[in-house]
Amino acid sequence: MTSWLAIAQRKDIVTRAAIVSAIVGTLLVAINQGDALLQGMITPAVVAKIVLTYCVPYAVSTYASVEAMRSAGK
């Protein structure tokens, strides 16, 4: 059976996770940090929150995709 990390690095998995991250992350940034961005209050803390906001949906999508592939035996 292919290792978890090997599946997570597959091009289709990475592409899917990046698309999900771009869409969901952008919506969450607008909801959670939109006021700070509109007011021009971009601090290192805000930047860190924005980066993490994109990382979370990427990680969730990757995890779900890898587990689905492993369950399907691929």
C-alpha atoms as a PDB file:
ATOM      1  CA  MET A   1       0.000   0.000   0.000  1.00  0.00           C
ATOM      2  CA  THR A   2       1.238   3.471  -0.867  1.00  0.00           C
ATOM      3  CA  SER A   3       2.341   5.609   2.063  1.00  0.00           C
ATOM      4  CA  TRP A   4       0.177   8.471   3.301  1.00  0.00           C
ATOM      5  CA  LEU A   5       2.787  11.077   2.386  1.00  0.00           C
ATOM      6  CA  ALA A   6       3.252   9.681  -1.119  1.00  0.00           C
ATOM      7  CA  ILE A   7      -0.485   9.980  -1.774  1.00  0.00           C
ATOM      8  CA  ALA A   8      -0.570  13.490  -0.283  1.00  0.00           C
ATOM      9  CA  GLN A   9       2.126  14.573  -2.752  1.00  0.00           C
ATOM     10  CA  ARG A  10       0.275  13.355  -5.830  1.00  0.00           C
ATOM     11  CA  LYS A  11      -0.376  16.136  -8.342  1.00  0.00           C
ATOM     12  CA  ASP A  12      -4.155  15.623  -8.368  1.00  0.00           C
ATOM     13  CA  ILE A  13      -4.343  15.748  -4.564  1.00  0.00           C
ATOM     14  CA  VAL A  14      -2.154  18.867  -4.341  1.00  0.00           C
ATOM     15  CA  THR A  15      -4.108  20.607  -7.114  1.00  0.00           C
ATOM     16  CA  ARG A  16      -7.464  19.826  -5.517  1.00  0.00           C
ATOM     17  CA  ALA A  17      -6.284  20.983  -2.099  1.00  0.00           C
ATOM     18  CA  ALA A  18      -4.859  24.205  -3.547  1.00  0.00           C
ATOM     19  CA  ILE A  19      -8.145  25.023  -5.284  1.00  0.00           C
ATOM     20  CA  VAL A  20     -10.159  24.307  -2.137  1.00  0.00           C
ATOM     21  CA  SER A  21      -7.717  26.372  -0.090  1.00  0.00           C
ATOM     22  CA  ALA A  22      -7.922  29.312  -2.497  1.00  0.00           C
ATOM     23  CA  ILE A  23     -11.719  29.383  -2.475  1.00  0.00           C
ATOM     24  CA  VAL A  24     -12.419  28.584   1.183  1.00  0.00           C
ATOM     25  CA  GLY A  25      -9.396  30.524   2.456  1.00  0.00           C
ATOM     26  CA  THR A  26     -10.405  33.662   0.569  1.00  0.00           C
ATOM     27  CA  LEU A  27     -13.941  33.500   1.946  1.00  0.00           C
ATOM     28  CA  LEU A  28     -12.648  32.996   5.484  1.00  0.00           C
ATOM     29  CA  VAL A  29     -10.110  35.819   5.162  1.00  0.00           C
ATOM     30  CA  ALA A  30     -12.876  38.134   3.973  1.00  0.00           C
ATOM     31  CA  ILE A  31     -15.063  37.138   6.915  1.00  0.00           C
ATOM     32  CA  ASN A  32     -12.395  37.094   9.620  1.00  0.00           C
ATOM     33  CA  GLN A  33      -9.851  39.700   8.504  1.00  0.00           C
ATOM     34  CA  GLY A  34     -11.840  41.814   6.053  1.00  0.00           C
ATOM     35  CA  ASP A  35     -12.290  44.733   8.424  1.00  0.00           C
ATOM     36  CA  ALA A  36      -8.560  44.904   9.198  1.00  0.00           C
ATOM     37  CA  LEU A  37      -7.692  44.728   5.502  1.00  0.00           C
ATOM     38  CA  LEU A  38     -10.190  47.427   4.553  1.00  0.00           C
ATOM     39  CA  GLN A  39      -8.836  49.698   7.289  1.00  0.00           C
ATOM     40  CA  GLY A  40      -5.257  49.097   6.190  1.00  0.00           C
ATOM     41  CA  MET A  41      -4.333  47.617   9.556  1.00  0.00           C
ATOM     42  CA  ILE A  42      -2.056  44.907   8.211  1.00  0.00           C
ATOM     43  CA  THR A  43       0.159  43.816  11.071  1.00  0.00           C
ATOM     44  CA  PRO A  44       2.396  40.751  11.338  1.00  0.00           C
ATOM     45  CA  ALA A  45      -0.329  39.122  13.432  1.00  0.00           C
ATOM     46  CA  VAL A  46      -2.926  39.705  10.713  1.00  0.00           C
ATOM     47  CA  VAL A  47      -0.575  38.301   8.074  1.00  0.00           C
ATOM     48  CA  ALA A  48       0.043  35.208  10.229  1.00  0.00           C
ATOM     49  CA  LYS A  49      -3.709  34.708  10.650  1.00  0.00           C
ATOM     50  CA  ILE A  50      -4.228  35.020   6.895  1.00  0.00           C
ATOM     51  CA  VAL A  51      -1.522  32.441   6.154  1.00  0.00           C
ATOM     52  CA  LEU A  52      -3.019  30.020   8.673  1.00  0.00           C
ATOM     53  CA  THR A  53      -6.478  30.645   7.237  1.00  0.00           C
ATOM     54  CA  TYR A  54      -5.275  29.268   3.895  1.00  0.00           C
ATOM     55  CA  CYS A  55      -3.316  26.399   5.487  1.00  0.00           C
ATOM     56  CA  VAL A  56      -6.292  24.916   7.329  1.00  0.00           C
ATOM     57  CA  PRO A  57      -8.531  24.167   4.310  1.00  0.00           C
ATOM     58  CA  TYR A  58      -5.471  22.896   2.419  1.00  0.00           C
ATOM     59  CA  ALA A  59      -4.704  20.460   5.235  1.00  0.00           C
ATOM     60  CA  VAL A  60      -8.323  19.359   5.604  1.00  0.00           C
ATOM     61  CA  SER A  61      -8.739  18.785   1.869  1.00  0.00           C
ATOM     62  CA  THR A  62      -5.464  16.873   1.673  1.00  0.00           C
ATOM     63  CA  TYR A  63      -6.371  14.693   4.642  1.00  0.00           C
ATOM     64  CA  ALA A  64      -9.840  13.925   3.260  1.00  0.00           C
ATOM     65  CA  SER A  65      -8.500  13.120  -0.205  1.00  0.00           C
ATOM     66  CA  VAL A  66      -5.717  10.870   1.055  1.00  0.00           C
ATOM     67  CA  GLU A  67      -8.022   8.969   3.378  1.00  0.00           C
ATOM     68  CA  ALA A  68     -10.565   8.528   0.567  1.00  0.00           C
ATOM     69  CA  MET A  69      -7.841   7.164  -1.715  1.00  0.00           C
ATOM     70  CA  ARG A  70      -6.593   4.810   0.964  1.00  0.00           C
ATOM     71  CA  SER A  71     -10.121   3.575   1.701  1.00  0.00           C
ATOM     72  CA  ALA A  72     -10.622   2.913  -1.999  1.00  0.00           C
ATOM     73  CA  GLY A  73      -7.348   0.984  -2.073  1.00  0.00           C
ATOM     74  CA  LYS A  74      -5.697   3.260  -4.640  1.00  0.00           C
END
